Every structure is written in C-alpha cells, then in structure tokens.
C-alpha cells in the first residue's frame, strides 16, 4: 500500500462512515438485482418469452452498475473509501479513538470498548481477506472509463461474476462494521442485497411466466 496516501482523522472517519454505508447499499442493491434476475432466467430457461430479452438487458446493466459503485467505495486514492478507512483503523490508537467517538467523546464504558474492539477486529479480518488482485485487474477501467464498458471487456481482464460477488459481500461487511464501531448502529448493506435479490427474482419469474403464457400486456409490458 502506498505510504504517501492520506490517513483520515477520527472526525473525517465519522463523517465518511454513513456515506460509505449508503454507497455500499447501492452496490449491494445493484448486485442483488443482477443475481435475482440471473436466477430468474435460470428458473425459466424452458420458457419462450420476449420478457427474457429485457431481463437479460437489465441483468447486464446491473452487473456494470455494481462495478461502478464498487469503485466508488474501494478506490484507494479516494479520501473517502473503505481503503482510506482501513488506513486509519490499522493504527494502534484506533480503538481508543473509535470508542470515544462511539460514546460522543465521553469516557467510553467497558461495553462500548468491547463492541468497538469486536467490530474493529472483524473489519480488519474481512479487509485482509479481500482479493485485491482481482480488483486490481480491472482498476485501469475505473472512474469515467467504466461507464462505457461492456461486460465482455471486463471478462478480458479475467474478472468473474464470483469475484464480483465476493467483493460486494466483503464491502457490505466492511461498511456494516464501520458503521457499528462509529455510531453503534446496526445497518448492514447485505440485507439490501438479499432483499433486492428476492424481489427481483420474484418479479422476473412471474413476468416471464405470464409472458410465456400470453398473459403479459404487450402494450404496457405489464
């Protein structure tokens, strides 16, 4: 890791935590919509329906949206990212500062210190298992360029759907633990992923089945 990259203060970390959680929720929802649509297409592979073409378009749009949003939370050169948070959290005095922030700058109780310590340990453990090699293989596509990518171009970088899912779920854990240790709030982006997956799956299975049975209104698409 580049030692010249800035390390945020505890005040900056407290401000970035809710935004990182919100960005991660967006990535989680996008991936949930991708995976829900993907599973719906697998479920209805024996159906002949025009709705499947639209579902496939949305599936590809959602995986690319996932990639855009992942870069938003994981760009190490950004002052507001999970990698920036890690640069603060790896320092020996991080726990003390976190506990005071959690307690509103009051003397933290033993319970607060324990909660922050557990969340910090989990954050660091998850972060250190992230496969940054797979993330780095497509890092040249970040920022403005990624908006113009198609998935086949990403495939050329040897990045798989499985690697994207692992990265999304890791970011969900990191953002959730960061929120917990900063504020004590339980706000886990993975819940949004699972909800989006379920709702999208149910929607497309129903739409494709209705279309295959001739019950989908061709004028409205519903």
Protein backbone atom coordinates (compact mmCIF):
# COMPACT_ATOMS: atom_id res chain seq x y z
CA UNK A 1 0.00 0.00 0.00
CA UNK A 2 1.29 3.48 -0.86
CA UNK A 3 2.58 5.04 2.37
CA UNK A 4 2.02 8.52 0.94
CA UNK A 5 -1.74 8.13 0.83
CA UNK A 6 -3.52 10.26 3.47
CA UNK A 7 -4.79 8.79 6.72
CA UNK A 8 -8.15 10.28 7.80
CA UNK A 9 -8.75 11.68 11.26
CA UNK A 10 -11.41 10.19 13.51
CA UNK A 11 -13.64 13.17 12.66
CA UNK A 12 -13.25 12.50 8.95
CA UNK A 13 -13.89 8.79 9.51
CA UNK A 14 -17.10 9.59 11.39
CA UNK A 15 -18.30 11.75 8.50
CA UNK A 16 -17.41 9.23 5.82
CA UNK A 17 -18.92 6.17 7.55
CA UNK A 18 -22.60 6.89 6.72
CA UNK A 19 -21.75 7.86 3.15
CA UNK A 20 -19.72 4.72 2.61
CA UNK A 21 -22.58 2.69 4.00
CA UNK A 22 -25.01 4.39 1.61
CA UNK A 23 -22.73 3.81 -1.39
CA UNK A 24 -22.25 0.19 -0.39
CA UNK A 25 -26.02 -0.25 -0.12
CA UNK A 26 -26.31 0.96 -3.70
CA UNK A 27 -23.70 -1.56 -4.84
CA UNK A 28 -25.47 -4.26 -2.85
CA UNK A 29 -28.87 -3.47 -4.37
CA UNK A 30 -27.40 -3.47 -7.87
CA UNK A 31 -25.77 -6.84 -7.32
CA UNK A 32 -28.95 -8.21 -5.71
CA UNK A 33 -30.92 -7.15 -8.79
CA UNK A 34 -28.32 -8.77 -11.04
CA UNK A 35 -28.29 -12.05 -9.12
CA UNK A 36 -32.08 -12.13 -8.73
CA UNK A 37 -32.56 -11.60 -12.47
CA UNK A 38 -29.90 -14.20 -13.22
CA UNK A 39 -31.60 -16.81 -11.04
CA UNK A 40 -34.99 -15.98 -12.57
CA UNK A 41 -33.60 -16.60 -16.07
CA UNK A 42 -32.18 -19.92 -14.90
CA UNK A 43 -35.53 -20.86 -13.36
CA UNK A 44 -37.41 -20.05 -16.58
CA UNK A 45 -34.85 -21.33 -19.10
CA UNK A 46 -37.50 -23.63 -20.59
CA UNK A 47 -39.91 -20.72 -21.24
CA UNK A 48 -40.23 -18.88 -24.55
CA UNK A 49 -40.90 -15.24 -23.76
CA UNK A 50 -39.87 -11.82 -25.04
CA UNK A 51 -39.59 -10.67 -21.43
CA UNK A 52 -36.43 -12.74 -21.11
CA UNK A 53 -34.63 -10.40 -23.51
CA UNK A 54 -35.46 -7.39 -21.35
CA UNK A 55 -34.47 -9.29 -18.23
CA UNK A 56 -31.11 -10.11 -19.79
CA UNK A 57 -30.52 -6.44 -20.66
CA UNK A 58 -31.24 -5.39 -17.10
CA UNK A 59 -29.05 -8.18 -15.75
CA UNK A 60 -26.07 -6.81 -17.69
CA UNK A 61 -26.86 -3.23 -16.71
CA UNK A 62 -26.97 -4.18 -13.03
CA UNK A 63 -23.64 -6.01 -13.03
CA UNK A 64 -21.99 -2.99 -14.63
CA UNK A 65 -23.70 -0.67 -12.14
CA UNK A 66 -22.33 -2.89 -9.40
CA UNK A 67 -18.83 -2.40 -10.75
CA UNK A 68 -19.23 1.39 -10.89
CA UNK A 69 -20.41 1.50 -7.30
CA UNK A 70 -17.69 -0.86 -6.09
CA UNK A 71 -15.08 1.54 -7.41
CA UNK A 72 -16.81 4.34 -5.52
CA UNK A 73 -16.24 2.59 -2.19
CA UNK A 74 -12.93 0.84 -2.85
CA UNK A 75 -10.77 3.36 -4.73
CA UNK A 76 -7.67 3.54 -2.56
CA UNK A 77 -6.72 7.00 -3.84
CA UNK A 78 -10.05 8.48 -2.78
CA UNK A 79 -10.14 10.34 0.53
CA UNK A 80 -13.48 8.66 1.20
CA UNK A 81 -13.26 4.92 0.70
CA UNK A 82 -13.06 1.68 2.64
CA UNK A 83 -9.35 1.58 1.87
CA UNK A 84 -8.99 5.05 3.39
CA UNK A 85 -10.88 3.84 6.47
CA UNK A 86 -8.51 0.89 6.72
CA UNK A 87 -5.51 3.23 6.81
CA UNK A 88 -6.95 4.75 10.00
CA UNK A 89 -8.17 1.52 11.57
CA UNK A 90 -4.87 -0.34 11.31
CA UNK A 91 -3.12 2.09 13.68
CA UNK A 92 -2.62 1.06 17.34
CA UNK A 93 -4.56 4.02 18.79
CA UNK A 94 -7.57 3.48 16.51
CA UNK A 95 -9.61 1.57 19.10
CA UNK A 96 -9.29 4.29 21.73
CA UNK A 97 -10.40 6.99 19.29
CA UNK A 98 -13.26 4.85 17.99
CA UNK A 99 -14.59 4.18 21.49
CA UNK A 100 -14.59 7.90 22.31
CA UNK A 101 -16.35 8.69 19.03
CA UNK A 102 -18.93 5.98 19.71
CA UNK A 103 -19.52 7.48 23.19
CA UNK A 104 -19.92 11.04 21.92
CA UNK A 105 -16.41 11.95 23.13
CA UNK A 106 -17.31 10.87 26.67
CA UNK A 107 -15.32 8.32 28.64
CA UNK A 108 -16.31 5.02 26.98
CA UNK A 109 -17.72 2.20 29.06
CA UNK A 110 -16.35 -1.33 29.05
CA UNK A 111 -19.28 -2.45 26.88
CA UNK A 112 -18.55 0.25 24.32
CA UNK A 113 -14.88 -0.67 24.21
CA UNK A 114 -15.80 -4.33 23.72
CA UNK A 115 -18.28 -3.55 20.93
CA UNK A 116 -15.77 -1.36 19.11
CA UNK A 117 -12.98 -3.89 19.58
CA UNK A 118 -15.06 -6.71 18.11
CA UNK A 119 -16.20 -4.61 15.15
CA UNK A 120 -12.64 -3.41 14.53
CA UNK A 121 -11.23 -6.94 14.61
CA UNK A 122 -13.90 -8.14 12.19
CA UNK A 123 -13.31 -5.20 9.84
CA UNK A 124 -9.58 -5.87 9.72
CA UNK A 125 -10.09 -9.62 9.27
CA UNK A 126 -12.51 -9.15 6.36
CA UNK A 127 -10.36 -6.47 4.74
CA UNK A 128 -7.24 -8.61 4.83
CA UNK A 129 -9.07 -11.42 3.03
CA UNK A 130 -10.20 -9.19 0.15
CA UNK A 131 -8.75 -10.34 -3.17
CA UNK A 132 -7.20 -7.11 -4.32
CA UNK A 133 -5.52 -8.90 -7.22
CA UNK A 134 -8.88 -9.45 -8.92
CA UNK A 135 -9.87 -5.87 -8.09
CA UNK A 136 -6.60 -4.58 -9.49
CA UNK A 137 -7.01 -6.44 -12.78
CA UNK A 138 -9.69 -4.03 -13.85
CA UNK A 139 -8.54 -0.95 -11.96
CA UNK A 140 -7.49 0.72 -15.20
CA UNK A 141 -11.19 0.85 -16.15
CA UNK A 142 -12.15 2.92 -13.11
CA UNK A 143 -13.80 6.33 -12.92
CA UNK A 144 -15.16 7.72 -16.20
CA UNK A 145 -13.99 4.86 -18.37
CA UNK A 146 -16.01 2.22 -16.58
CA UNK A 147 -19.28 3.91 -17.54
CA UNK A 148 -18.55 2.99 -21.15
CA UNK A 149 -17.55 -0.61 -20.54
CA UNK A 150 -19.42 -3.71 -21.56
CA UNK A 151 -19.14 -6.92 -19.59
CA UNK A 152 -17.15 -8.72 -22.34
CA UNK A 153 -14.44 -6.08 -21.89
CA UNK A 154 -14.33 -6.81 -18.18
CA UNK A 155 -14.17 -10.52 -18.98
CA UNK A 156 -10.96 -9.86 -20.89
CA UNK A 157 -9.45 -8.76 -17.60
CA UNK A 158 -10.26 -12.25 -16.23
CA UNK A 159 -12.69 -10.98 -13.61
CA UNK A 160 -15.51 -13.41 -12.86
CA UNK A 161 -19.02 -12.93 -11.53
CA UNK A 162 -17.95 -14.91 -8.47
CA UNK A 163 -15.15 -12.45 -7.76
CA UNK A 164 -17.54 -9.53 -8.09
CA UNK A 165 -19.92 -11.14 -5.60
CA UNK A 166 -17.13 -11.76 -3.10
CA UNK A 167 -16.03 -8.15 -3.39
CA UNK A 168 -19.59 -6.86 -2.93
CA UNK A 169 -20.23 -9.02 0.12
CA UNK A 170 -16.87 -8.06 1.63
CA UNK A 171 -17.71 -4.36 1.16
CA UNK A 172 -21.09 -4.99 2.81
CA UNK A 173 -19.37 -6.44 5.86
CA UNK A 174 -16.76 -3.69 5.99
CA UNK A 175 -19.32 -0.90 5.75
CA UNK A 176 -21.54 -2.54 8.35
CA UNK A 177 -18.73 -2.98 10.86
CA UNK A 178 -17.50 0.57 10.24
CA UNK A 179 -20.99 1.94 10.94
CA UNK A 180 -21.27 -0.14 14.11
CA UNK A 181 -17.95 0.92 15.59
CA UNK A 182 -18.51 4.60 14.77
CA UNK A 183 -22.12 5.00 15.86
CA UNK A 184 -23.40 1.78 17.41
CA UNK A 185 -26.00 1.46 14.64
CA UNK A 186 -26.77 -1.87 13.01
CA UNK A 187 -27.06 -1.05 9.32
CA UNK A 188 -25.88 -3.95 7.18
CA UNK A 189 -25.83 -3.41 3.39
CA UNK A 190 -26.02 -7.15 2.78
CA UNK A 191 -29.64 -7.02 3.96
CA UNK A 192 -30.39 -4.77 0.98
CA UNK A 193 -28.63 -7.19 -1.36
CA UNK A 194 -30.74 -10.11 -0.15
CA UNK A 195 -33.96 -8.08 -0.33
CA UNK A 196 -33.21 -6.87 -3.87
CA UNK A 197 -32.35 -10.40 -4.95
CA UNK A 198 -35.63 -11.81 -3.62
CA UNK A 199 -37.85 -9.06 -5.03
CA UNK A 200 -36.17 -9.09 -8.44
CA UNK A 201 -36.28 -12.87 -8.67
CA UNK A 202 -39.98 -12.98 -7.84
CA UNK A 203 -40.76 -10.18 -10.31
CA UNK A 204 -38.98 -11.70 -13.30
CA UNK A 205 -40.14 -15.25 -12.72
CA UNK A 206 -43.74 -14.00 -12.65
CA UNK A 207 -43.25 -11.70 -15.67
CA UNK A 208 -41.58 -14.36 -17.81
CA UNK A 209 -44.16 -16.99 -16.92
CA UNK A 210 -47.03 -14.63 -17.73
CA UNK A 211 -45.38 -13.64 -21.00
CA UNK A 212 -44.82 -17.28 -21.94
CA UNK A 213 -48.50 -17.97 -21.24
CA UNK A 214 -49.64 -14.97 -23.30
CA UNK A 215 -50.89 -13.01 -20.30
CA UNK A 216 -48.36 -10.17 -20.42
CA UNK A 217 -49.83 -6.99 -21.97
CA UNK A 218 -47.58 -6.24 -24.98
CA UNK A 219 -48.65 -2.60 -24.94
CA UNK A 220 -47.53 -1.84 -21.38
CA UNK A 221 -45.04 -4.59 -20.66
CA UNK A 222 -47.01 -5.47 -17.53
